[in-house]
Amino acid sequence: MEFIIRGDKIKITDAMKSYIEEKLGKLDKYLKNTDEVRAKVIVKSDKKNQRVEVTIPLKSYILRSEEGNADFYAAVDKTIDKLERQIRKNKTRLATKKTNAIDFTIDAIEPVRGEKKITKRKTIEVKPMDEDEAILQMELLGHDFFMYHDSETGKAAVVYRRKDKDYGLITEE
């Protein structure tokens, strides 16, 4: 696995780099063709916390995790644990996906009890509006996301509330 490690408002020391590489190396047992896998790690620092964000783009999936802690090493551990849980939790979905490019070695993943499934389906009328109106509508409904038709671009879009309380926007290409 190739590692791209950078710091945001923090200098990455050799010890930090080797710790990240060692911990991410644990994920090799779940991945095929690890020579082609590129893990992007961003370490962010603010006054109180160290945040570690790991993104691993694969052929069919993107694994991503972000965790924070006052201690850098604890933040790395939490992030890697979260990635492992994601892989284990989605074992069945990953194994049954009808694709030629399965990126995981399914035998290395332990089964998960309590398989998740869709329990509710809903159809909505997608109305044309701008971003500000969509955010207002989302807030009025008390939801964490809202789908709408962008009146400026003419494309489907989803506005959502991020963990940092800001908003994100997803649009179709």
N, C-alpha and C. Protein backbone atom coordinates (compact mmCIF):
# COMPACT_ATOMS: atom_id res chain seq x y z
N MET A 1 0.85 -1.17 0.00
CA MET A 1 0.00 0.00 0.00
C MET A 1 0.90 1.24 0.00
N GLU A 2 0.54 2.19 -0.83
CA GLU A 2 1.27 3.45 -0.88
C GLU A 2 0.59 4.45 0.05
N PHE A 3 1.38 5.23 0.77
CA PHE A 3 0.84 6.18 1.74
C PHE A 3 1.15 7.61 1.31
N ILE A 4 0.14 8.44 1.31
CA ILE A 4 0.31 9.87 1.07
C ILE A 4 -0.14 10.54 2.36
N ILE A 5 0.82 11.03 3.13
CA ILE A 5 0.53 11.59 4.45
C ILE A 5 0.92 13.06 4.45
N ARG A 6 -0.04 13.91 4.85
CA ARG A 6 0.27 15.33 4.95
C ARG A 6 -0.39 15.91 6.19
N GLY A 7 0.18 16.99 6.65
CA GLY A 7 -0.33 17.66 7.84
C GLY A 7 -0.99 18.97 7.48
N ASP A 8 -2.05 19.29 8.18
CA ASP A 8 -2.76 20.56 8.02
C ASP A 8 -2.61 21.31 9.35
N LYS A 9 -1.77 22.32 9.36
CA LYS A 9 -1.43 23.08 10.57
C LYS A 9 -0.64 22.24 11.57
N ILE A 10 0.08 21.24 11.06
CA ILE A 10 0.90 20.40 11.92
C ILE A 10 2.02 19.80 11.06
N LYS A 11 3.21 19.67 11.65
CA LYS A 11 4.33 19.05 10.93
C LYS A 11 4.33 17.57 11.26
N ILE A 12 4.37 16.74 10.22
CA ILE A 12 4.37 15.29 10.39
C ILE A 12 5.80 14.82 10.64
N THR A 13 6.05 14.25 11.81
CA THR A 13 7.38 13.74 12.15
C THR A 13 7.54 12.33 11.60
N ASP A 14 8.75 11.84 11.60
CA ASP A 14 9.02 10.48 11.14
C ASP A 14 8.30 9.46 12.02
N ALA A 15 8.25 9.71 13.32
CA ALA A 15 7.57 8.79 14.25
C ALA A 15 6.08 8.73 13.94
N MET A 16 5.47 9.89 13.66
CA MET A 16 4.04 9.93 13.32
C MET A 16 3.80 9.17 12.02
N LYS A 17 4.67 9.41 11.05
CA LYS A 17 4.52 8.77 9.74
C LYS A 17 4.64 7.25 9.87
N SER A 18 5.63 6.78 10.60
CA SER A 18 5.82 5.33 10.73
C SER A 18 4.67 4.70 11.52
N TYR A 19 4.11 5.41 12.50
CA TYR A 19 2.98 4.89 13.27
C TYR A 19 1.75 4.74 12.37
N ILE A 20 1.50 5.75 11.55
CA ILE A 20 0.36 5.69 10.62
C ILE A 20 0.54 4.52 9.64
N GLU A 21 1.74 4.39 9.06
CA GLU A 21 2.00 3.32 8.11
C GLU A 21 1.85 1.94 8.75
N GLU A 22 2.33 1.81 9.99
CA GLU A 22 2.22 0.53 10.70
C GLU A 22 0.75 0.17 10.93
N LYS A 23 -0.03 1.13 11.40
CA LYS A 23 -1.44 0.87 11.69
C LYS A 23 -2.24 0.61 10.42
N LEU A 24 -1.99 1.38 9.36
CA LEU A 24 -2.71 1.16 8.10
C LEU A 24 -2.31 -0.16 7.47
N GLY A 25 -1.11 -0.63 7.77
CA GLY A 25 -0.65 -1.92 7.26
C GLY A 25 -1.53 -3.07 7.72
N LYS A 26 -2.23 -2.90 8.84
CA LYS A 26 -3.15 -3.93 9.34
C LYS A 26 -4.29 -4.18 8.36
N LEU A 27 -4.61 -3.20 7.54
CA LEU A 27 -5.72 -3.35 6.59
C LEU A 27 -5.34 -4.16 5.36
N ASP A 28 -4.04 -4.44 5.18
CA ASP A 28 -3.59 -5.22 4.02
C ASP A 28 -4.28 -6.58 3.94
N LYS A 29 -4.58 -7.18 5.09
CA LYS A 29 -5.20 -8.50 5.07
C LYS A 29 -6.60 -8.48 4.47
N TYR A 30 -7.23 -7.30 4.42
CA TYR A 30 -8.57 -7.19 3.86
C TYR A 30 -8.57 -6.81 2.37
N LEU A 31 -7.45 -6.31 1.88
CA LEU A 31 -7.42 -5.76 0.53
C LEU A 31 -6.65 -6.64 -0.43
N LYS A 32 -7.11 -6.68 -1.68
CA LYS A 32 -6.38 -7.36 -2.75
C LYS A 32 -5.51 -6.34 -3.46
N ASN A 33 -4.46 -6.80 -4.10
CA ASN A 33 -3.57 -5.95 -4.89
C ASN A 33 -3.16 -4.70 -4.13
N THR A 34 -2.57 -4.89 -2.97
CA THR A 34 -2.22 -3.75 -2.13
C THR A 34 -1.16 -2.85 -2.76
N ASP A 35 -0.46 -3.36 -3.78
CA ASP A 35 0.53 -2.51 -4.46
C ASP A 35 -0.15 -1.37 -5.22
N GLU A 36 -1.39 -1.58 -5.63
CA GLU A 36 -2.12 -0.58 -6.39
C GLU A 36 -2.96 0.35 -5.50
N VAL A 37 -3.00 0.07 -4.21
CA VAL A 37 -3.84 0.85 -3.28
C VAL A 37 -3.06 2.03 -2.76
N ARG A 38 -3.70 3.20 -2.74
CA ARG A 38 -3.07 4.43 -2.29
C ARG A 38 -3.92 5.00 -1.14
N ALA A 39 -3.37 5.04 0.04
CA ALA A 39 -4.08 5.58 1.21
C ALA A 39 -3.68 7.04 1.40
N LYS A 40 -4.68 7.92 1.45
CA LYS A 40 -4.42 9.35 1.66
C LYS A 40 -4.77 9.68 3.10
N VAL A 41 -3.79 10.21 3.82
CA VAL A 41 -3.98 10.53 5.23
C VAL A 41 -3.72 12.02 5.44
N ILE A 42 -4.67 12.67 6.10
CA ILE A 42 -4.51 14.08 6.44
C ILE A 42 -4.63 14.20 7.95
N VAL A 43 -3.62 14.79 8.56
CA VAL A 43 -3.63 15.03 10.01
C VAL A 43 -3.87 16.52 10.21
N LYS A 44 -4.94 16.83 10.94
CA LYS A 44 -5.30 18.22 11.20
C LYS A 44 -5.14 18.49 12.68
N SER A 45 -4.77 19.72 12.97
CA SER A 45 -4.58 20.10 14.37
C SER A 45 -5.30 21.40 14.66
N ASP A 46 -6.02 21.42 15.76
CA ASP A 46 -6.56 22.68 16.26
C ASP A 46 -6.06 22.84 17.70
N LYS A 47 -6.62 23.73 18.43
CA LYS A 47 -6.10 24.02 19.77
C LYS A 47 -6.16 22.82 20.72
N LYS A 48 -7.23 22.03 20.62
CA LYS A 48 -7.42 20.95 21.58
C LYS A 48 -7.23 19.55 21.00
N ASN A 49 -7.54 19.36 19.72
CA ASN A 49 -7.60 18.02 19.15
C ASN A 49 -6.68 17.82 17.96
N GLN A 50 -6.36 16.57 17.76
CA GLN A 50 -5.68 16.11 16.54
C GLN A 50 -6.74 15.30 15.78
N ARG A 51 -7.00 15.63 14.53
CA ARG A 51 -7.95 14.88 13.71
C ARG A 51 -7.18 14.13 12.64
N VAL A 52 -7.51 12.87 12.47
CA VAL A 52 -6.87 12.04 11.45
C VAL A 52 -7.95 11.59 10.47
N GLU A 53 -7.74 11.92 9.20
CA GLU A 53 -8.68 11.56 8.14
C GLU A 53 -7.97 10.62 7.18
N VAL A 54 -8.56 9.45 6.94
CA VAL A 54 -7.98 8.47 6.03
C VAL A 54 -8.98 8.20 4.92
N THR A 55 -8.52 8.29 3.67
CA THR A 55 -9.34 7.97 2.51
C THR A 55 -8.59 6.96 1.66
N ILE A 56 -9.25 5.85 1.36
CA ILE A 56 -8.64 4.82 0.54
C ILE A 56 -9.57 4.56 -0.65
N PRO A 57 -9.27 5.17 -1.80
CA PRO A 57 -10.10 4.91 -2.98
C PRO A 57 -9.72 3.57 -3.62
N LEU A 58 -10.72 2.71 -3.77
CA LEU A 58 -10.52 1.42 -4.42
C LEU A 58 -11.25 1.44 -5.76
N LYS A 59 -11.15 0.37 -6.52
CA LYS A 59 -11.79 0.34 -7.84
C LYS A 59 -13.30 0.52 -7.75
N SER A 60 -13.92 -0.15 -6.80
CA SER A 60 -15.37 -0.15 -6.71
C SER A 60 -15.92 0.64 -5.52
N TYR A 61 -15.09 0.95 -4.54
CA TYR A 61 -15.55 1.57 -3.30
C TYR A 61 -14.55 2.61 -2.84
N ILE A 62 -15.01 3.45 -1.92
CA ILE A 62 -14.11 4.38 -1.25
C ILE A 62 -14.27 4.14 0.25
N LEU A 63 -13.18 3.82 0.92
CA LEU A 63 -13.19 3.70 2.37
C LEU A 63 -12.73 5.03 2.94
N ARG A 64 -13.48 5.55 3.92
CA ARG A 64 -13.12 6.84 4.51
C ARG A 64 -13.48 6.85 5.98
N SER A 65 -12.60 7.43 6.76
CA SER A 65 -12.85 7.57 8.19
C SER A 65 -12.14 8.81 8.69
N GLU A 66 -12.77 9.47 9.65
CA GLU A 66 -12.16 10.64 10.29
C GLU A 66 -12.50 10.61 11.76
N GLU A 67 -11.49 10.69 12.59
CA GLU A 67 -11.68 10.70 14.04
C GLU A 67 -10.72 11.70 14.67
N GLY A 68 -11.10 12.17 15.84
CA GLY A 68 -10.27 13.13 16.55
C GLY A 68 -10.07 12.73 18.00
N ASN A 69 -8.97 13.24 18.56
CA ASN A 69 -8.66 12.99 19.96
C ASN A 69 -7.58 13.98 20.37
N ALA A 70 -7.44 14.23 21.66
CA ALA A 70 -6.39 15.12 22.14
C ALA A 70 -5.01 14.50 21.88
N ASP A 71 -4.95 13.16 21.88
CA ASP A 71 -3.71 12.44 21.63
C ASP A 71 -3.68 11.97 20.18
N PHE A 72 -2.63 12.30 19.45
CA PHE A 72 -2.51 11.92 18.04
C PHE A 72 -2.61 10.41 17.84
N TYR A 73 -1.90 9.64 18.66
CA TYR A 73 -1.86 8.19 18.50
C TYR A 73 -3.23 7.56 18.75
N ALA A 74 -3.97 8.10 19.70
CA ALA A 74 -5.32 7.61 19.96
C ALA A 74 -6.24 7.94 18.77
N ALA A 75 -6.05 9.09 18.16
CA ALA A 75 -6.84 9.48 16.99
C ALA A 75 -6.57 8.52 15.83
N VAL A 76 -5.31 8.15 15.62
CA VAL A 76 -4.96 7.19 14.56
C VAL A 76 -5.62 5.85 14.85
N ASP A 77 -5.51 5.37 16.09
CA ASP A 77 -6.11 4.09 16.46
C ASP A 77 -7.61 4.08 16.22
N LYS A 78 -8.30 5.14 16.63
CA LYS A 78 -9.74 5.23 16.45
C LYS A 78 -10.11 5.23 14.97
N THR A 79 -9.34 5.93 14.16
CA THR A 79 -9.62 6.00 12.72
C THR A 79 -9.46 4.64 12.06
N ILE A 80 -8.38 3.93 12.37
CA ILE A 80 -8.14 2.61 11.77
C ILE A 80 -9.19 1.61 12.24
N ASP A 81 -9.55 1.67 13.53
CA ASP A 81 -10.60 0.79 14.05
C ASP A 81 -11.92 1.02 13.32
N LYS A 82 -12.22 2.27 13.06
CA LYS A 82 -13.46 2.61 12.35
C LYS A 82 -13.44 2.05 10.93
N LEU A 83 -12.31 2.14 10.25
CA LEU A 83 -12.18 1.57 8.90
C LEU A 83 -12.38 0.06 8.93
N GLU A 84 -11.78 -0.61 9.91
CA GLU A 84 -11.94 -2.06 10.03
C GLU A 84 -13.40 -2.43 10.26
N ARG A 85 -14.08 -1.66 11.12
CA ARG A 85 -15.51 -1.92 11.37
C ARG A 85 -16.33 -1.74 10.09
N GLN A 86 -16.00 -0.72 9.30
CA GLN A 86 -16.72 -0.50 8.04
C GLN A 86 -16.57 -1.71 7.12
N ILE A 87 -15.37 -2.24 7.02
CA ILE A 87 -15.13 -3.39 6.15
C ILE A 87 -15.90 -4.60 6.66
N ARG A 88 -15.80 -4.87 7.95
CA ARG A 88 -16.50 -6.03 8.53
C ARG A 88 -18.01 -5.89 8.42
N LYS A 89 -18.52 -4.71 8.70
CA LYS A 89 -19.96 -4.47 8.68
C LYS A 89 -20.54 -4.69 7.29
N ASN A 90 -19.78 -4.33 6.27
CA ASN A 90 -20.28 -4.41 4.91
C ASN A 90 -19.78 -5.64 4.16
N LYS A 91 -19.33 -6.64 4.89
CA LYS A 91 -18.78 -7.85 4.27
C LYS A 91 -19.75 -8.47 3.27
N THR A 92 -20.98 -8.68 3.66
CA THR A 92 -21.95 -9.34 2.80
C THR A 92 -22.23 -8.51 1.56
N ARG A 93 -22.41 -7.22 1.74
CA ARG A 93 -22.66 -6.35 0.59
C ARG A 93 -21.49 -6.39 -0.39
N LEU A 94 -20.29 -6.37 0.13
CA LEU A 94 -19.11 -6.37 -0.71
C LEU A 94 -18.95 -7.71 -1.44
N ALA A 95 -19.31 -8.79 -0.78
CA ALA A 95 -19.16 -10.11 -1.38
C ALA A 95 -20.22 -10.37 -2.45
N THR A 96 -21.43 -9.86 -2.26
CA THR A 96 -22.51 -10.15 -3.19
C THR A 96 -22.63 -9.13 -4.31
N LYS A 97 -21.85 -8.08 -4.26
CA LYS A 97 -21.89 -7.06 -5.31
C LYS A 97 -21.52 -7.69 -6.64
N LYS A 98 -22.33 -7.47 -7.66
CA LYS A 98 -22.09 -8.04 -8.99
C LYS A 98 -21.10 -7.16 -9.74
N THR A 99 -19.84 -7.32 -9.44
CA THR A 99 -18.81 -6.53 -10.10
C THR A 99 -17.59 -7.39 -10.37
N ASN A 100 -16.87 -7.06 -11.39
CA ASN A 100 -15.67 -7.81 -11.75
C ASN A 100 -14.48 -7.42 -10.89
N ALA A 101 -14.58 -6.29 -10.20
CA ALA A 101 -13.42 -5.75 -9.47
C ALA A 101 -13.67 -5.73 -7.98
N ILE A 102 -13.83 -6.91 -7.37
CA ILE A 102 -13.96 -6.96 -5.91
C ILE A 102 -12.59 -6.66 -5.33
N ASP A 103 -12.54 -5.71 -4.43
CA ASP A 103 -11.26 -5.24 -3.91
C ASP A 103 -10.90 -5.86 -2.56
N PHE A 104 -11.80 -6.68 -2.01
CA PHE A 104 -11.58 -7.21 -0.69
C PHE A 104 -11.35 -8.71 -0.72
N THR A 105 -10.53 -9.18 0.18
CA THR A 105 -10.37 -10.60 0.39
C THR A 105 -11.42 -10.98 1.42
N ILE A 106 -12.50 -11.58 0.96
CA ILE A 106 -13.67 -11.80 1.81
C ILE A 106 -13.37 -12.82 2.91
N ASP A 107 -12.48 -13.76 2.69
CA ASP A 107 -12.18 -14.77 3.70
C ASP A 107 -11.60 -14.16 4.97
N ALA A 108 -10.92 -13.04 4.86
CA ALA A 108 -10.27 -12.42 6.01
C ALA A 108 -11.24 -11.65 6.88
N ILE A 109 -12.47 -11.48 6.41
CA ILE A 109 -13.45 -10.68 7.13
C ILE A 109 -14.39 -11.59 7.91
N GLU A 110 -14.55 -11.30 9.19
CA GLU A 110 -15.44 -12.09 10.02
C GLU A 110 -16.88 -11.69 9.76
N PRO A 111 -17.83 -12.63 9.86
CA PRO A 111 -19.23 -12.29 9.62
C PRO A 111 -19.77 -11.35 10.69
N VAL A 112 -20.74 -10.56 10.30
CA VAL A 112 -21.36 -9.60 11.20
C VAL A 112 -22.79 -10.02 11.45
N ARG A 113 -23.21 -9.99 12.70
CA ARG A 113 -24.59 -10.33 13.03
C ARG A 113 -25.47 -9.12 12.81
N GLY A 114 -26.75 -9.37 12.63
CA GLY A 114 -27.70 -8.27 12.50
C GLY A 114 -27.51 -7.51 11.20
N GLU A 115 -27.63 -8.18 10.08
CA GLU A 115 -27.48 -7.59 8.76
C GLU A 115 -28.41 -6.39 8.61
N LYS A 116 -27.92 -5.28 8.09
CA LYS A 116 -28.72 -4.08 7.86
C LYS A 116 -29.50 -4.23 6.57
N LYS A 117 -30.72 -3.73 6.54
CA LYS A 117 -31.52 -3.78 5.33
C LYS A 117 -32.40 -2.54 5.27
N ILE A 118 -32.92 -2.27 4.11
CA ILE A 118 -33.80 -1.12 3.93
C ILE A 118 -35.17 -1.48 4.51
N THR A 119 -35.63 -0.70 5.48
CA THR A 119 -36.91 -0.98 6.11
C THR A 119 -37.99 0.00 5.70
N LYS A 120 -37.60 1.08 5.04
CA LYS A 120 -38.59 2.06 4.61
C LYS A 120 -38.16 2.65 3.27
N ARG A 121 -39.10 2.78 2.38
CA ARG A 121 -38.86 3.41 1.10
C ARG A 121 -39.81 4.59 0.98
N LYS A 122 -39.32 5.65 0.37
CA LYS A 122 -40.12 6.85 0.29
C LYS A 122 -39.86 7.52 -1.06
N THR A 123 -40.89 8.00 -1.69
CA THR A 123 -40.73 8.78 -2.91
C THR A 123 -41.12 10.21 -2.59
N ILE A 124 -40.39 11.14 -3.19
CA ILE A 124 -40.64 12.55 -2.92
C ILE A 124 -40.73 13.31 -4.23
N GLU A 125 -41.37 14.44 -4.17
CA GLU A 125 -41.40 15.33 -5.31
C GLU A 125 -40.18 16.24 -5.19
N VAL A 126 -39.32 16.19 -6.20
CA VAL A 126 -38.10 16.98 -6.17
C VAL A 126 -38.40 18.30 -6.88
N LYS A 127 -38.36 19.39 -6.10
CA LYS A 127 -38.73 20.70 -6.62
C LYS A 127 -37.50 21.51 -6.99
N PRO A 128 -37.61 22.35 -8.01
CA PRO A 128 -36.49 23.24 -8.35
C PRO A 128 -36.35 24.35 -7.32
N MET A 129 -35.11 24.59 -6.87
CA MET A 129 -34.82 25.66 -5.91
C MET A 129 -33.33 25.91 -5.90
N ASP A 130 -32.90 26.95 -5.19
CA ASP A 130 -31.46 27.21 -5.07
C ASP A 130 -30.95 26.63 -3.76
N GLU A 131 -29.63 26.71 -3.53
CA GLU A 131 -29.00 26.10 -2.36
C GLU A 131 -29.55 26.65 -1.05
N ASP A 132 -29.70 27.97 -0.97
CA ASP A 132 -30.18 28.59 0.27
C ASP A 132 -31.59 28.14 0.62
N GLU A 133 -32.44 28.04 -0.39
CA GLU A 133 -33.81 27.59 -0.15
C GLU A 133 -33.83 26.13 0.29
N ALA A 134 -32.93 25.31 -0.28
CA ALA A 134 -32.85 23.90 0.09
C ALA A 134 -32.38 23.75 1.54
N ILE A 135 -31.40 24.56 1.96
CA ILE A 135 -30.94 24.53 3.35
C ILE A 135 -32.06 24.94 4.30
N LEU A 136 -32.79 25.98 3.94
CA LEU A 136 -33.92 26.42 4.75
C LEU A 136 -34.97 25.32 4.86
N GLN A 137 -35.29 24.68 3.74
CA GLN A 137 -36.28 23.60 3.75
C GLN A 137 -35.81 22.44 4.61
N MET A 138 -34.52 22.10 4.53
CA MET A 138 -33.96 21.02 5.35
C MET A 138 -34.09 21.36 6.83
N GLU A 139 -33.76 22.60 7.19
CA GLU A 139 -33.86 23.04 8.59
C GLU A 139 -35.31 23.01 9.08
N LEU A 140 -36.22 23.45 8.22
CA LEU A 140 -37.63 23.45 8.60
C LEU A 140 -38.15 22.03 8.84
N LEU A 141 -37.67 21.08 8.06
CA LEU A 141 -38.10 19.69 8.22
C LEU A 141 -37.38 19.00 9.38
N GLY A 142 -36.26 19.57 9.82
CA GLY A 142 -35.49 18.95 10.90
C GLY A 142 -34.69 17.74 10.43
N HIS A 143 -34.35 17.69 9.15
CA HIS A 143 -33.58 16.57 8.59
C HIS A 143 -32.11 16.93 8.52
N ASP A 144 -31.28 15.91 8.28
CA ASP A 144 -29.84 16.11 8.12
C ASP A 144 -29.45 16.25 6.65
N PHE A 145 -30.40 16.00 5.75
CA PHE A 145 -30.13 16.15 4.32
C PHE A 145 -31.43 16.53 3.61
N PHE A 146 -31.29 17.05 2.40
CA PHE A 146 -32.47 17.41 1.62
C PHE A 146 -32.12 17.32 0.14
N MET A 147 -32.95 16.60 -0.61
CA MET A 147 -32.74 16.44 -2.04
C MET A 147 -33.62 17.43 -2.79
N TYR A 148 -33.03 18.05 -3.82
CA TYR A 148 -33.78 19.04 -4.60
C TYR A 148 -33.23 19.11 -6.01
N HIS A 149 -33.91 19.84 -6.85
CA HIS A 149 -33.50 20.07 -8.24
C HIS A 149 -32.91 21.47 -8.29
N ASP A 150 -31.61 21.58 -8.59
CA ASP A 150 -30.93 22.88 -8.59
C ASP A 150 -31.44 23.72 -9.76
N SER A 151 -32.06 24.85 -9.45
CA SER A 151 -32.65 25.69 -10.49
C SER A 151 -31.60 26.36 -11.37
N GLU A 152 -30.37 26.52 -10.88
CA GLU A 152 -29.31 27.16 -11.67
C GLU A 152 -28.68 26.19 -12.66
N THR A 153 -28.40 24.95 -12.22
CA THR A 153 -27.72 23.98 -13.08
C THR A 153 -28.67 23.02 -13.77
N GLY A 154 -29.88 22.88 -13.23
CA GLY A 154 -30.83 21.94 -13.79
C GLY A 154 -30.54 20.49 -13.42
N LYS A 155 -29.70 20.26 -12.42
CA LYS A 155 -29.31 18.91 -12.03
C LYS A 155 -29.82 18.58 -10.63
N ALA A 156 -29.89 17.28 -10.35
CA ALA A 156 -30.28 16.83 -9.02
C ALA A 156 -29.16 17.16 -8.03
N ALA A 157 -29.54 17.52 -6.82
CA ALA A 157 -28.55 17.88 -5.80
C ALA A 157 -29.06 17.47 -4.42
N VAL A 158 -28.12 17.26 -3.52
CA VAL A 158 -28.44 16.94 -2.13
C VAL A 158 -27.60 17.86 -1.25
N VAL A 159 -28.25 18.58 -0.35
CA VAL A 159 -27.55 19.38 0.63
C VAL A 159 -27.63 18.60 1.95
N TYR A 160 -26.54 18.61 2.73
CA TYR A 160 -26.52 17.84 3.97
C TYR A 160 -25.76 18.58 5.05
N ARG A 161 -26.05 18.23 6.30
CA ARG A 161 -25.38 18.82 7.45
C ARG A 161 -24.17 17.97 7.80
N ARG A 162 -23.01 18.59 7.89
CA ARG A 162 -21.77 17.90 8.21
C ARG A 162 -21.59 17.80 9.73
N LYS A 163 -20.65 16.96 10.14
CA LYS A 163 -20.36 16.80 11.57
C LYS A 163 -19.92 18.11 12.21
N ASP A 164 -19.23 18.96 11.44
CA ASP A 164 -18.75 20.23 11.98
C ASP A 164 -19.82 21.32 11.96
N LYS A 165 -21.09 20.92 11.70
CA LYS A 165 -22.27 21.79 11.71
C LYS A 165 -22.36 22.70 10.48
N ASP A 166 -21.40 22.61 9.54
CA ASP A 166 -21.51 23.30 8.28
C ASP A 166 -22.35 22.45 7.33
N TYR A 167 -22.44 22.86 6.08
CA TYR A 167 -23.25 22.13 5.11
C TYR A 167 -22.37 21.61 3.99
N GLY A 168 -22.81 20.52 3.39
CA GLY A 168 -22.16 19.96 2.22
C GLY A 168 -23.16 19.89 1.09
N LEU A 169 -22.65 19.80 -0.14
CA LEU A 169 -23.52 19.74 -1.31
C LEU A 169 -23.02 18.65 -2.24
N ILE A 170 -23.93 17.78 -2.64
CA ILE A 170 -23.62 16.73 -3.60
C ILE A 170 -24.47 17.00 -4.83
N THR A 171 -23.82 17.04 -6.01
CA THR A 171 -24.56 17.23 -7.26
C THR A 171 -24.18 16.14 -8.24
N GLU A 172 -25.07 15.88 -9.18
CA GLU A 172 -24.75 14.90 -10.21
C GLU A 172 -23.85 15.53 -11.26
N GLU A 173 -23.11 14.71 -11.97
CA GLU A 173 -22.21 15.22 -13.00
C GLU A 173 -22.98 15.60 -14.24
